[in-house]
Amino acid sequence: MKKVLYIFILFLLASCQENDKERIARLLNEWNRKEIKFPDHSVFTIQGKDTVTMDYRNADFKVITYVDSIGCTSCKLQLHRWKELIAEMDSLTSGTVPFLFYFHP
Protein backbone atom coordinates (compact mmCIF):
# COMPACT_ATOMS: atom_id res chain seq x y z
CA MET A 1 0.00 0.00 0.00
CA LYS A 2 2.89 2.39 0.76
CA LYS A 3 4.36 1.76 -2.69
CA VAL A 4 1.09 2.70 -4.34
CA LEU A 5 0.92 5.86 -2.24
CA TYR A 6 4.51 6.81 -3.14
CA ILE A 7 3.86 6.19 -6.82
CA PHE A 8 0.69 8.30 -6.64
CA ILE A 9 2.54 11.18 -4.96
CA LEU A 10 5.36 10.93 -7.50
CA PHE A 11 2.80 10.97 -10.30
CA LEU A 12 1.14 14.10 -8.86
CA LEU A 13 4.47 15.90 -8.54
CA ALA A 14 5.47 14.99 -12.10
CA SER A 15 2.14 16.11 -13.54
CA CYS A 16 2.41 19.57 -11.96
CA GLN A 17 5.45 20.53 -14.01
CA GLU A 18 5.01 23.14 -16.70
CA ASN A 19 6.04 22.00 -20.18
CA ASP A 20 7.69 24.26 -22.76
CA LYS A 21 4.49 24.97 -24.65
CA GLU A 22 2.66 26.05 -21.49
CA ARG A 23 5.64 28.15 -20.35
CA ILE A 24 5.77 30.01 -23.70
CA ALA A 25 2.00 30.57 -23.65
CA ARG A 26 2.22 31.92 -20.08
CA LEU A 27 5.07 34.28 -21.02
CA LEU A 28 3.17 35.56 -24.07
CA ASN A 29 0.08 36.20 -21.98
CA GLU A 30 2.19 37.95 -19.36
CA TRP A 31 3.73 40.33 -21.93
CA ASN A 32 0.58 40.81 -24.02
CA ARG A 33 -0.57 44.45 -24.26
CA LYS A 34 2.50 45.77 -22.49
CA GLU A 35 4.59 48.55 -23.92
CA ILE A 36 8.36 48.52 -23.99
CA LYS A 37 9.90 51.98 -24.25
CA PHE A 38 13.24 52.43 -25.94
CA PRO A 39 15.21 55.68 -26.16
CA ASP A 40 14.11 58.10 -28.88
CA HIS A 41 17.65 58.48 -30.15
CA SER A 42 19.64 55.27 -29.88
CA VAL A 43 23.28 55.23 -30.91
CA PHE A 44 24.10 52.20 -33.00
CA THR A 45 27.68 51.04 -33.43
CA ILE A 46 29.46 48.35 -35.36
CA GLN A 47 31.80 46.44 -33.07
CA GLY A 48 31.86 49.40 -30.69
CA LYS A 49 33.78 51.62 -33.13
CA ASP A 50 31.79 52.93 -36.09
CA THR A 51 28.62 54.88 -35.35
CA VAL A 52 25.73 54.05 -37.67
CA THR A 53 22.79 56.35 -38.37
CA MET A 54 19.54 54.43 -38.53
CA ASP A 55 16.07 55.96 -38.61
CA TYR A 56 13.71 53.20 -37.55
CA ARG A 57 10.98 55.32 -35.93
CA ASN A 58 8.80 55.52 -39.07
CA ALA A 59 8.89 51.80 -39.81
CA ASP A 60 5.55 50.00 -39.55
CA PHE A 61 7.20 46.96 -37.97
CA LYS A 62 10.47 46.41 -36.13
CA VAL A 63 12.20 43.27 -34.94
CA ILE A 64 13.96 43.95 -31.65
CA THR A 65 16.10 41.55 -29.68
CA TYR A 66 17.67 42.13 -26.29
CA VAL A 67 20.65 40.13 -25.09
CA ASP A 68 22.28 40.36 -21.70
CA SER A 69 25.56 38.89 -20.54
CA ILE A 70 24.06 36.16 -18.36
CA GLY A 71 25.06 32.76 -19.66
CA CYS A 72 26.50 31.98 -23.07
CA THR A 73 25.78 35.06 -25.21
CA SER A 74 26.94 33.51 -28.47
CA CYS A 75 24.86 30.39 -27.77
CA LYS A 76 21.70 32.39 -27.14
CA LEU A 77 22.23 34.94 -29.88
CA GLN A 78 22.98 32.55 -32.79
CA LEU A 79 24.01 35.33 -35.20
CA HIS A 80 24.18 33.02 -38.22
CA ARG A 81 20.46 32.28 -37.88
CA TRP A 82 19.66 35.99 -37.48
CA LYS A 83 21.64 36.71 -40.65
CA GLU A 84 19.52 34.17 -42.56
CA LEU A 85 16.28 35.63 -41.16
CA ILE A 86 17.32 39.19 -42.00
CA ALA A 87 18.22 38.20 -45.57
CA GLU A 88 14.89 36.42 -46.02
CA MET A 89 12.92 39.31 -44.52
CA ASP A 90 14.77 41.85 -46.68
CA SER A 91 13.92 39.86 -49.81
CA LEU A 92 10.23 39.75 -48.84
CA THR A 93 9.83 43.34 -47.65
CA SER A 94 12.45 45.23 -49.69
CA GLY A 95 14.38 46.02 -46.53
CA THR A 96 11.57 47.98 -44.84
CA VAL A 97 11.67 46.01 -41.57
CA PRO A 98 14.60 47.06 -39.40
CA PHE A 99 16.29 44.60 -37.04
CA LEU A 100 17.54 46.21 -33.83
CA PHE A 101 19.88 44.40 -31.45
CA TYR A 102 20.26 45.74 -27.93
CA PHE A 103 23.12 44.30 -25.86
CA HIS A 104 23.59 44.78 -22.15
CA PRO A 105 27.05 43.98 -20.83
PDB file of N, CA and C in Angstrom:
ATOM      1  N   MET A   1       0.817  -1.194   0.000  1.00  0.00           N
ATOM      2  CA  MET A   1       0.000   0.000   0.000  1.00  0.00           C
ATOM      3  C   MET A   1       0.869   1.269   0.000  1.00  0.00           C
ATOM      4  N   LYS A   2       1.996   1.231   0.724  1.00  0.00           N
ATOM      5  CA  LYS A   2       2.885   2.386   0.760  1.00  0.00           C
ATOM      6  C   LYS A   2       3.480   2.658  -0.615  1.00  0.00           C
ATOM      7  N   LYS A   3       3.788   1.587  -1.352  1.00  0.00           N
ATOM      8  CA  LYS A   3       4.363   1.762  -2.685  1.00  0.00           C
ATOM      9  C   LYS A   3       3.373   2.459  -3.601  1.00  0.00           C
ATOM     10  N   VAL A   4       2.121   2.075  -3.511  1.00  0.00           N
ATOM     11  CA  VAL A   4       1.094   2.695  -4.343  1.00  0.00           C
ATOM     12  C   VAL A   4       0.955   4.180  -3.979  1.00  0.00           C
ATOM     13  N   LEU A   5       1.004   4.489  -2.691  1.00  0.00           N
ATOM     14  CA  LEU A   5       0.915   5.863  -2.239  1.00  0.00           C
ATOM     15  C   LEU A   5       2.106   6.681  -2.737  1.00  0.00           C
ATOM     16  N   TYR A   6       3.314   6.119  -2.652  1.00  0.00           N
ATOM     17  CA  TYR A   6       4.512   6.809  -3.139  1.00  0.00           C
ATOM     18  C   TYR A   6       4.449   7.037  -4.652  1.00  0.00           C
ATOM     19  N   ILE A   7       3.991   6.048  -5.370  1.00  0.00           N
ATOM     20  CA  ILE A   7       3.859   6.186  -6.825  1.00  0.00           C
ATOM     21  C   ILE A   7       2.820   7.255  -7.161  1.00  0.00           C
ATOM     22  N   PHE A   8       1.734   7.286  -6.413  1.00  0.00           N
ATOM     23  CA  PHE A   8       0.689   8.296  -6.636  1.00  0.00           C
ATOM     24  C   PHE A   8       1.224   9.699  -6.368  1.00  0.00           C
ATOM     25  N   ILE A   9       1.960   9.875  -5.283  1.00  0.00           N
ATOM     26  CA  ILE A   9       2.540  11.178  -4.958  1.00  0.00           C
ATOM     27  C   ILE A   9       3.556  11.586  -6.020  1.00  0.00           C
ATOM     28  N   LEU A  10       4.382  10.641  -6.451  1.00  0.00           N
ATOM     29  CA  LEU A  10       5.357  10.930  -7.501  1.00  0.00           C
ATOM     30  C   LEU A  10       4.662  11.335  -8.795  1.00  0.00           C
ATOM     31  N   PHE A  11       3.573  10.644  -9.115  1.00  0.00           N
ATOM     32  CA  PHE A  11       2.799  10.974 -10.304  1.00  0.00           C
ATOM     33  C   PHE A  11       2.218  12.389 -10.201  1.00  0.00           C
ATOM     34  N   LEU A  12       1.697  12.761  -9.052  1.00  0.00           N
ATOM     35  CA  LEU A  12       1.144  14.095  -8.859  1.00  0.00           C
ATOM     36  C   LEU A  12       2.210  15.169  -8.999  1.00  0.00           C
ATOM     37  N   LEU A  13       3.387  14.935  -8.439  1.00  0.00           N
ATOM     38  CA  LEU A  13       4.472  15.899  -8.540  1.00  0.00           C
ATOM     39  C   LEU A  13       4.947  16.049  -9.981  1.00  0.00           C
ATOM     40  N   ALA A  14       5.019  14.951 -10.701  1.00  0.00           N
ATOM     41  CA  ALA A  14       5.472  14.992 -12.095  1.00  0.00           C
ATOM     42  C   ALA A  14       4.437  15.680 -12.991  1.00  0.00           C
ATOM     43  N   SER A  15       3.175  15.526 -12.683  1.00  0.00           N
ATOM     44  CA  SER A  15       2.140  16.108 -13.541  1.00  0.00           C
ATOM     45  C   SER A  15       1.981  17.612 -13.318  1.00  0.00           C
ATOM     46  N   CYS A  16       2.522  18.140 -12.245  1.00  0.00           N
ATOM     47  CA  CYS A  16       2.406  19.572 -11.959  1.00  0.00           C
ATOM     48  C   CYS A  16       3.461  20.411 -12.671  1.00  0.00           C
ATOM     49  N   GLN A  17       4.396  19.784 -13.327  1.00  0.00           N
ATOM     50  CA  GLN A  17       5.447  20.530 -14.005  1.00  0.00           C
ATOM     51  C   GLN A  17       4.905  21.194 -15.260  1.00  0.00           C
ATOM     52  N   GLU A  18       5.421  22.376 -15.534  1.00  0.00           N
ATOM     53  CA  GLU A  18       5.010  23.141 -16.697  1.00  0.00           C
ATOM     54  C   GLU A  18       5.871  22.732 -17.891  1.00  0.00           C
ATOM     55  N   ASN A  19       5.250  22.359 -19.009  1.00  0.00           N
ATOM     56  CA  ASN A  19       6.036  21.998 -20.180  1.00  0.00           C
ATOM     57  C   ASN A  19       6.384  23.264 -20.970  1.00  0.00           C
ATOM     58  N   ASP A  20       7.207  23.108 -21.991  1.00  0.00           N
ATOM     59  CA  ASP A  20       7.691  24.260 -22.755  1.00  0.00           C
ATOM     60  C   ASP A  20       6.550  25.035 -23.417  1.00  0.00           C
ATOM     61  N   LYS A  21       5.598  24.314 -23.963  1.00  0.00           N
ATOM     62  CA  LYS A  21       4.493  24.972 -24.645  1.00  0.00           C
ATOM     63  C   LYS A  21       3.670  25.822 -23.673  1.00  0.00           C
ATOM     64  N   GLU A  22       3.412  25.293 -22.494  1.00  0.00           N
ATOM     65  CA  GLU A  22       2.662  26.046 -21.488  1.00  0.00           C
ATOM     66  C   GLU A  22       3.465  27.235 -20.979  1.00  0.00           C
ATOM     67  N   ARG A  23       4.773  27.068 -20.834  1.00  0.00           N
ATOM     68  CA  ARG A  23       5.635  28.148 -20.354  1.00  0.00           C
ATOM     69  C   ARG A  23       5.655  29.297 -21.360  1.00  0.00           C
ATOM     70  N   ILE A  24       5.767  28.974 -22.656  1.00  0.00           N
ATOM     71  CA  ILE A  24       5.773  30.005 -23.698  1.00  0.00           C
ATOM     72  C   ILE A  24       4.428  30.724 -23.745  1.00  0.00           C
ATOM     73  N   ALA A  25       3.332  29.968 -23.642  1.00  0.00           N
ATOM     74  CA  ALA A  25       2.001  30.575 -23.649  1.00  0.00           C
ATOM     75  C   ALA A  25       1.821  31.494 -22.443  1.00  0.00           C
ATOM     76  N   ARG A  26       2.310  31.088 -21.281  1.00  0.00           N
ATOM     77  CA  ARG A  26       2.217  31.917 -20.083  1.00  0.00           C
ATOM     78  C   ARG A  26       3.015  33.210 -20.253  1.00  0.00           C
ATOM     79  N   LEU A  27       4.239  33.090 -20.806  1.00  0.00           N
ATOM     80  CA  LEU A  27       5.065  34.277 -21.022  1.00  0.00           C
ATOM     81  C   LEU A  27       4.420  35.239 -22.020  1.00  0.00           C
ATOM     82  N   LEU A  28       3.842  34.700 -23.081  1.00  0.00           N
ATOM     83  CA  LEU A  28       3.169  35.558 -24.067  1.00  0.00           C
ATOM     84  C   LEU A  28       1.986  36.286 -23.445  1.00  0.00           C
ATOM     85  N   ASN A  29       1.211  35.561 -22.647  1.00  0.00           N
ATOM     86  CA  ASN A  29       0.077  36.203 -21.980  1.00  0.00           C
ATOM     87  C   ASN A  29       0.542  37.257 -20.981  1.00  0.00           C
ATOM     88  N   GLU A  30       1.652  37.006 -20.334  1.00  0.00           N
ATOM     89  CA  GLU A  30       2.190  37.948 -19.361  1.00  0.00           C
ATOM     90  C   GLU A  30       2.638  39.247 -20.027  1.00  0.00           C
ATOM     91  N   TRP A  31       3.227  39.151 -21.232  1.00  0.00           N
ATOM     92  CA  TRP A  31       3.733  40.330 -21.934  1.00  0.00           C
ATOM     93  C   TRP A  31       2.716  40.939 -22.893  1.00  0.00           C
ATOM     94  N   ASN A  32       1.595  40.305 -23.088  1.00  0.00           N
ATOM     95  CA  ASN A  32       0.582  40.812 -24.015  1.00  0.00           C
ATOM     96  C   ASN A  32       0.061  42.173 -23.553  1.00  0.00           C
ATOM     97  N   ARG A  33      -0.065  43.097 -24.488  1.00  0.00           N
ATOM     98  CA  ARG A  33      -0.574  44.448 -24.264  1.00  0.00           C
ATOM     99  C   ARG A  33       0.314  45.301 -23.355  1.00  0.00           C
ATOM    100  N   LYS A  34       1.560  44.940 -23.228  1.00  0.00           N
ATOM    101  CA  LYS A  34       2.504  45.772 -22.490  1.00  0.00           C
ATOM    102  C   LYS A  34       3.339  46.556 -23.489  1.00  0.00           C
ATOM    103  N   GLU A  35       3.794  47.695 -23.053  1.00  0.00           N
ATOM    104  CA  GLU A  35       4.587  48.552 -23.924  1.00  0.00           C
ATOM    105  C   GLU A  35       6.010  48.612 -23.407  1.00  0.00           C
ATOM    106  N   ILE A  36       6.942  48.424 -24.319  1.00  0.00           N
ATOM    107  CA  ILE A  36       8.356  48.524 -23.992  1.00  0.00           C
ATOM    108  C   ILE A  36       8.862  49.825 -24.596  1.00  0.00           C
ATOM    109  N   LYS A  37       9.424  50.682 -23.763  1.00  0.00           N
ATOM    110  CA  LYS A  37       9.901  51.978 -24.246  1.00  0.00           C
ATOM    111  C   LYS A  37      11.412  51.929 -24.428  1.00  0.00           C
ATOM    112  N   PHE A  38      11.830  52.325 -25.617  1.00  0.00           N
ATOM    113  CA  PHE A  38      13.242  52.430 -25.944  1.00  0.00           C
ATOM    114  C   PHE A  38      13.576  53.903 -26.107  1.00  0.00           C
ATOM    115  N   PRO A  39      14.836  54.262 -25.993  1.00  0.00           N
ATOM    116  CA  PRO A  39      15.212  55.676 -26.155  1.00  0.00           C
ATOM    117  C   PRO A  39      14.828  56.200 -27.538  1.00  0.00           C
ATOM    118  N   ASP A  40      14.471  57.481 -27.593  1.00  0.00           N
ATOM    119  CA  ASP A  40      14.113  58.103 -28.879  1.00  0.00           C
ATOM    120  C   ASP A  40      15.295  58.146 -29.838  1.00  0.00           C
ATOM    121  N   HIS A  41      16.464  58.353 -29.312  1.00  0.00           N
ATOM    122  CA  HIS A  41      17.652  58.482 -30.151  1.00  0.00           C
ATOM    123  C   HIS A  41      18.709  57.484 -29.689  1.00  0.00           C
ATOM    124  N   SER A  42      18.648  56.289 -30.210  1.00  0.00           N
ATOM    125  CA  SER A  42      19.642  55.275 -29.885  1.00  0.00           C
ATOM    126  C   SER A  42      20.888  55.493 -30.731  1.00  0.00           C
ATOM    127  N   VAL A  43      22.022  55.158 -30.171  1.00  0.00           N
ATOM    128  CA  VAL A  43      23.283  55.227 -30.905  1.00  0.00           C
ATOM    129  C   VAL A  43      23.668  53.803 -31.262  1.00  0.00           C
ATOM    130  N   PHE A  44      23.755  53.536 -32.540  1.00  0.00           N
ATOM    131  CA  PHE A  44      24.097  52.198 -33.003  1.00  0.00           C
ATOM    132  C   PHE A  44      25.550  52.187 -33.441  1.00  0.00           C
ATOM    133  N   THR A  45      26.264  51.159 -33.062  1.00  0.00           N
ATOM    134  CA  THR A  45      27.678  51.044 -33.430  1.00  0.00           C
ATOM    135  C   THR A  45      27.955  49.672 -34.010  1.00  0.00           C
ATOM    136  N   ILE A  46      28.990  49.615 -34.820  1.00  0.00           N
ATOM    137  CA  ILE A  46      29.464  48.347 -35.358  1.00  0.00           C
ATOM    138  C   ILE A  46      30.734  48.002 -34.615  1.00  0.00           C
ATOM    139  N   GLN A  47      30.685  46.924 -33.872  1.00  0.00           N
ATOM    140  CA  GLN A  47      31.802  46.436 -33.066  1.00  0.00           C
ATOM    141  C   GLN A  47      32.359  47.528 -32.158  1.00  0.00           C
ATOM    142  N   GLY A  48      31.480  48.388 -31.653  1.00  0.00           N
ATOM    143  CA  GLY A  48      31.862  49.403 -30.685  1.00  0.00           C
ATOM    144  C   GLY A  48      32.699  50.533 -31.236  1.00  0.00           C
ATOM    145  N   LYS A  49      32.894  50.607 -32.551  1.00  0.00           N
ATOM    146  CA  LYS A  49      33.784  51.623 -33.132  1.00  0.00           C
ATOM    147  C   LYS A  49      33.047  52.587 -34.050  1.00  0.00           C
ATOM    148  N   ASP A  50      32.429  52.093 -35.086  1.00  0.00           N
ATOM    149  CA  ASP A  50      31.789  52.929 -36.090  1.00  0.00           C
ATOM    150  C   ASP A  50      30.346  53.226 -35.688  1.00  0.00           C
ATOM    151  N   THR A  51      29.985  54.498 -35.663  1.00  0.00           N
ATOM    152  CA  THR A  51      28.617  54.885 -35.351  1.00  0.00           C
ATOM    153  C   THR A  51      27.791  54.821 -36.630  1.00  0.00           C
ATOM    154  N   VAL A  52      26.605  54.240 -36.517  1.00  0.00           N
ATOM    155  CA  VAL A  52      25.725  54.051 -37.666  1.00  0.00           C
ATOM    156  C   VAL A  52      24.450  54.842 -37.437  1.00  0.00           C
ATOM    157  N   THR A  53      24.054  55.624 -38.441  1.00  0.00           N
ATOM    158  CA  THR A  53      22.794  56.353 -38.368  1.00  0.00           C
ATOM    159  C   THR A  53      21.693  55.456 -38.906  1.00  0.00           C
ATOM    160  N   MET A  54      20.638  55.311 -38.124  1.00  0.00           N
ATOM    161  CA  MET A  54      19.544  54.433 -38.534  1.00  0.00           C
ATOM    162  C   MET A  54      18.237  55.046 -38.053  1.00  0.00           C
ATOM    163  N   ASP A  55      17.371  55.404 -38.975  1.00  0.00           N
ATOM    164  CA  ASP A  55      16.071  55.958 -38.606  1.00  0.00           C
ATOM    165  C   ASP A  55      15.037  54.851 -38.722  1.00  0.00           C
ATOM    166  N   TYR A  56      14.647  54.318 -37.589  1.00  0.00           N
ATOM    167  CA  TYR A  56      13.709  53.201 -37.552  1.00  0.00           C
ATOM    168  C   TYR A  56      12.346  53.622 -37.009  1.00  0.00           C
ATOM    169  N   ARG A  57      12.208  54.878 -36.601  1.00  0.00           N
ATOM    170  CA  ARG A  57      10.977  55.320 -35.933  1.00  0.00           C
ATOM    171  C   ARG A  57       9.756  55.290 -36.849  1.00  0.00           C
ATOM    172  N   ASN A  58       9.936  55.481 -38.145  1.00  0.00           N
ATOM    173  CA  ASN A  58       8.797  55.521 -39.065  1.00  0.00           C
ATOM    174  C   ASN A  58       8.452  54.155 -39.646  1.00  0.00           C
ATOM    175  N   ALA A  59       9.166  53.138 -39.280  1.00  0.00           N
ATOM    176  CA  ALA A  59       8.889  51.801 -39.813  1.00  0.00           C
ATOM    177  C   ALA A  59       7.595  51.254 -39.203  1.00  0.00           C
ATOM    178  N   ASP A  60       6.804  50.588 -40.032  1.00  0.00           N
ATOM    179  CA  ASP A  60       5.552  49.998 -39.546  1.00  0.00           C
ATOM    180  C   ASP A  60       5.818  48.865 -38.557  1.00  0.00           C
ATOM    181  N   PHE A  61       6.842  48.088 -38.831  1.00  0.00           N
ATOM    182  CA  PHE A  61       7.202  46.962 -37.974  1.00  0.00           C
ATOM    183  C   PHE A  61       8.693  47.011 -37.690  1.00  0.00           C
ATOM    184  N   LYS A  62       9.058  46.512 -36.516  1.00  0.00           N
ATOM    185  CA  LYS A  62      10.469  46.411 -36.129  1.00  0.00           C
ATOM    186  C   LYS A  62      10.668  45.065 -35.458  1.00  0.00           C
ATOM    187  N   VAL A  63      11.829  44.483 -35.660  1.00  0.00           N
ATOM    188  CA  VAL A  63      12.198  43.268 -34.938  1.00  0.00           C
ATOM    189  C   VAL A  63      13.299  43.678 -33.971  1.00  0.00           C
ATOM    190  N   ILE A  64      13.019  43.519 -32.683  1.00  0.00           N
ATOM    191  CA  ILE A  64      13.957  43.949 -31.652  1.00  0.00           C
ATOM    192  C   ILE A  64      14.344  42.747 -30.811  1.00  0.00           C
ATOM    193  N   THR A  65      15.632  42.605 -30.573  1.00  0.00           N
ATOM    194  CA  THR A  65      16.101  41.551 -29.685  1.00  0.00           C
ATOM    195  C   THR A  65      17.006  42.163 -28.631  1.00  0.00           C
ATOM    196  N   TYR A  66      16.886  41.644 -27.424  1.00  0.00           N
ATOM    197  CA  TYR A  66      17.666  42.133 -26.289  1.00  0.00           C
ATOM    198  C   TYR A  66      18.479  40.968 -25.758  1.00  0.00           C
ATOM    199  N   VAL A  67      19.764  41.186 -25.590  1.00  0.00           N
ATOM    200  CA  VAL A  67      20.646  40.130 -25.091  1.00  0.00           C
ATOM    201  C   VAL A  67      21.436  40.688 -23.924  1.00  0.00           C
ATOM    202  N   ASP A  68      21.452  39.949 -22.826  1.00  0.00           N
ATOM    203  CA  ASP A  68      22.282  40.359 -21.698  1.00  0.00           C
ATOM    204  C   ASP A  68      23.473  39.418 -21.599  1.00  0.00           C
ATOM    205  N   SER A  69      24.317  39.661 -20.641  1.00  0.00           N
ATOM    206  CA  SER A  69      25.562  38.894 -20.538  1.00  0.00           C
ATOM    207  C   SER A  69      25.437  37.668 -19.643  1.00  0.00           C
ATOM    208  N   ILE A  70      24.241  37.331 -19.212  1.00  0.00           N
ATOM    209  CA  ILE A  70      24.061  36.164 -18.362  1.00  0.00           C
ATOM    210  C   ILE A  70      24.091  34.915 -19.231  1.00  0.00           C
ATOM    211  N   GLY A  71      24.962  34.004 -18.901  1.00  0.00           N
ATOM    212  CA  GLY A  71      25.060  32.765 -19.656  1.00  0.00           C
ATOM    213  C   GLY A  71      25.905  32.921 -20.905  1.00  0.00           C
ATOM    214  N   CYS A  72      25.713  32.026 -21.827  1.00  0.00           N
ATOM    215  CA  CYS A  72      26.497  31.984 -23.065  1.00  0.00           C
ATOM    216  C   CYS A  72      25.835  32.896 -24.104  1.00  0.00           C
ATOM    217  N   THR A  73      26.370  34.092 -24.286  1.00  0.00           N
ATOM    218  CA  THR A  73      25.782  35.064 -25.207  1.00  0.00           C
ATOM    219  C   THR A  73      25.774  34.545 -26.638  1.00  0.00           C
ATOM    220  N   SER A  74      26.891  33.990 -27.081  1.00  0.00           N
ATOM    221  CA  SER A  74      26.941  33.509 -28.466  1.00  0.00           C
ATOM    222  C   SER A  74      26.010  32.325 -28.681  1.00  0.00           C
ATOM    223  N   CYS A  75      25.793  31.516 -27.643  1.00  0.00           N
ATOM    224  CA  CYS A  75      24.864  30.387 -27.766  1.00  0.00           C
ATOM    225  C   CYS A  75      23.428  30.877 -27.913  1.00  0.00           C
ATOM    226  N   LYS A  76      23.061  31.869 -27.101  1.00  0.00           N
ATOM    227  CA  LYS A  76      21.700  32.392 -27.135  1.00  0.00           C
ATOM    228  C   LYS A  76      21.449  33.230 -28.372  1.00  0.00           C
ATOM    229  N   LEU A  77      22.424  33.988 -28.794  1.00  0.00           N
ATOM    230  CA  LEU A  77      22.230  34.940 -29.884  1.00  0.00           C
ATOM    231  C   LEU A  77      22.123  34.261 -31.248  1.00  0.00           C
ATOM    232  N   GLN A  78      22.981  33.299 -31.530  1.00  0.00           N
ATOM    233  CA  GLN A  78      22.984  32.555 -32.793  1.00  0.00           C
ATOM    234  C   GLN A  78      22.927  33.505 -33.998  1.00  0.00           C
ATOM    235  N   LEU A  79      23.975  34.305 -34.158  1.00  0.00           N
ATOM    236  CA  LEU A  79      24.008  35.333 -35.203  1.00  0.00           C
ATOM    237  C   LEU A  79      23.835  34.780 -36.608  1.00  0.00           C
ATOM    238  N   HIS A  80      24.329  33.584 -36.874  1.00  0.00           N
ATOM    239  CA  HIS A  80      24.184  33.021 -38.219  1.00  0.00           C
ATOM    240  C   HIS A  80      22.712  32.818 -38.582  1.00  0.00           C
ATOM    241  N   ARG A  81      21.889  32.455 -37.604  1.00  0.00           N
ATOM    242  CA  ARG A  81      20.459  32.282 -37.876  1.00  0.00           C
ATOM    243  C   ARG A  81      19.770  33.635 -38.057  1.00  0.00           C
ATOM    244  N   TRP A  82      20.209  34.645 -37.299  1.00  0.00           N
ATOM    245  CA  TRP A  82      19.664  35.990 -37.478  1.00  0.00           C
ATOM    246  C   TRP A  82      19.998  36.513 -38.870  1.00  0.00           C
ATOM    247  N   LYS A  83      21.222  36.247 -39.324  1.00  0.00           N
ATOM    248  CA  LYS A  83      21.640  36.707 -40.648  1.00  0.00           C
ATOM    249  C   LYS A  83      20.753  36.109 -41.738  1.00  0.00           C
ATOM    250  N   GLU A  84      20.411  34.825 -41.593  1.00  0.00           N
ATOM    251  CA  GLU A  84      19.516  34.171 -42.558  1.00  0.00           C
ATOM    252  C   GLU A  84      18.122  34.790 -42.515  1.00  0.00           C
ATOM    253  N   LEU A  85      17.609  35.042 -41.305  1.00  0.00           N
ATOM    254  CA  LEU A  85      16.282  35.633 -41.163  1.00  0.00           C
ATOM    255  C   LEU A  85      16.234  37.041 -41.730  1.00  0.00           C
ATOM    256  N   ILE A  86      17.266  37.828 -41.477  1.00  0.00           N
ATOM    257  CA  ILE A  86      17.316  39.194 -42.001  1.00  0.00           C
ATOM    258  C   ILE A  86      17.357  39.182 -43.517  1.00  0.00           C
ATOM    259  N   ALA A  87      18.149  38.294 -44.104  1.00  0.00           N
ATOM    260  CA  ALA A  87      18.220  38.201 -45.567  1.00  0.00           C
ATOM    261  C   ALA A  87      16.867  37.800 -46.156  1.00  0.00           C
ATOM    262  N   GLU A  88      16.203  36.850 -45.533  1.00  0.00           N
ATOM    263  CA  GLU A  88      14.891  36.416 -46.021  1.00  0.00           C
ATOM    264  C   GLU A  88      13.863  37.539 -45.887  1.00  0.00           C
ATOM    265  N   MET A  89      13.873  38.216 -44.742  1.00  0.00           N
ATOM    266  CA  MET A  89      12.919  39.306 -44.516  1.00  0.00           C
ATOM    267  C   MET A  89      13.178  40.459 -45.486  1.00  0.00           C
ATOM    268  N   ASP A  90      14.447  40.785 -45.730  1.00  0.00           N
ATOM    269  CA  ASP A  90      14.771  41.850 -46.683  1.00  0.00           C
ATOM    270  C   ASP A  90      14.283  41.523 -48.088  1.00  0.00           C
ATOM    271  N   SER A  91      14.380  40.238 -48.479  1.00  0.00           N
ATOM    272  CA  SER A  91      13.917  39.857 -49.813  1.00  0.00           C
ATOM    273  C   SER A  91      12.396  39.932 -49.927  1.00  0.00           C
ATOM    274  N   LEU A  92      11.695  39.714 -48.811  1.00  0.00           N
ATOM    275  CA  LEU A  92      10.232  39.752 -48.837  1.00  0.00           C
ATOM    276  C   LEU A  92       9.665  41.162 -48.685  1.00  0.00           C
ATOM    277  N   THR A  93      10.381  42.025 -47.972  1.00  0.00           N
ATOM    278  CA  THR A  93       9.833  43.345 -47.647  1.00  0.00           C
ATOM    279  C   THR A  93      10.649  44.497 -48.225  1.00  0.00           C
ATOM    280  N   SER A  94      11.570  44.216 -49.086  1.00  0.00           N
ATOM    281  CA  SER A  94      12.449  45.225 -49.694  1.00  0.00           C
ATOM    282  C   SER A  94      13.216  46.030 -48.645  1.00  0.00           C
ATOM    283  N   GLY A  95      13.570  45.391 -47.558  1.00  0.00           N
ATOM    284  CA  GLY A  95      14.380  46.024 -46.526  1.00  0.00           C
ATOM    285  C   GLY A  95      13.659  47.063 -45.689  1.00  0.00           C
ATOM    286  N   THR A  96      12.322  46.974 -45.598  1.00  0.00           N
ATOM    287  CA  THR A  96      11.570  47.984 -44.838  1.00  0.00           C
ATOM    288  C   THR A  96      11.378  47.615 -43.369  1.00  0.00           C
ATOM    289  N   VAL A  97      11.800  46.431 -42.961  1.00  0.00           N
ATOM    290  CA  VAL A  97      11.665  46.009 -41.569  1.00  0.00           C
ATOM    291  C   VAL A  97      13.053  46.036 -40.926  1.00  0.00           C
ATOM    292  N   PRO A  98      13.285  47.000 -40.036  1.00  0.00           N
ATOM    293  CA  PRO A  98      14.601  47.064 -39.397  1.00  0.00           C
ATOM    294  C   PRO A  98      14.739  46.028 -38.283  1.00  0.00           C
ATOM    295  N   PHE A  99      15.942  45.524 -38.116  1.00  0.00           N
ATOM    296  CA  PHE A  99      16.289  44.603 -37.037  1.00  0.00           C
ATOM    297  C   PHE A  99      17.193  45.344 -36.080  1.00  0.00           C
ATOM    298  N   LEU A 100      16.783  45.462 -34.831  1.00  0.00           N
ATOM    299  CA  LEU A 100      17.536  46.205 -33.825  1.00  0.00           C
ATOM    300  C   LEU A 100      18.013  45.240 -32.747  1.00  0.00           C
ATOM    301  N   PHE A 101      19.293  45.256 -32.470  1.00  0.00           N
ATOM    302  CA  PHE A 101      19.883  44.397 -31.454  1.00  0.00           C
ATOM    303  C   PHE A 101      20.371  45.269 -30.300  1.00  0.00           C
ATOM    304  N   TYR A 102      19.828  45.033 -29.135  1.00  0.00           N
ATOM    305  CA  TYR A 102      20.257  45.741 -27.930  1.00  0.00           C
ATOM    306  C   TYR A 102      21.036  44.764 -27.062  1.00  0.00           C
ATOM    307  N   PHE A 103      22.262  45.142 -26.702  1.00  0.00           N
ATOM    308  CA  PHE A 103      23.121  44.301 -25.862  1.00  0.00           C
ATOM    309  C   PHE A 103      23.374  44.992 -24.539  1.00  0.00           C
ATOM    310  N   HIS A 104      23.282  44.242 -23.471  1.00  0.00           N
ATOM    311  CA  HIS A 104      23.592  44.779 -22.153  1.00  0.00           C
ATOM    312  C   HIS A 104      24.765  44.005 -21.582  1.00  0.00           C
ATOM    313  N   PRO A 105      25.869  44.681 -21.336  1.00  0.00           N
ATOM    314  CA  PRO A 105      27.048  43.975 -20.832  1.00  0.00           C
ATOM    315  C   PRO A 105      26.856  43.593 -19.384  1.00  0.00           C
TER     316      PRO A 105
END
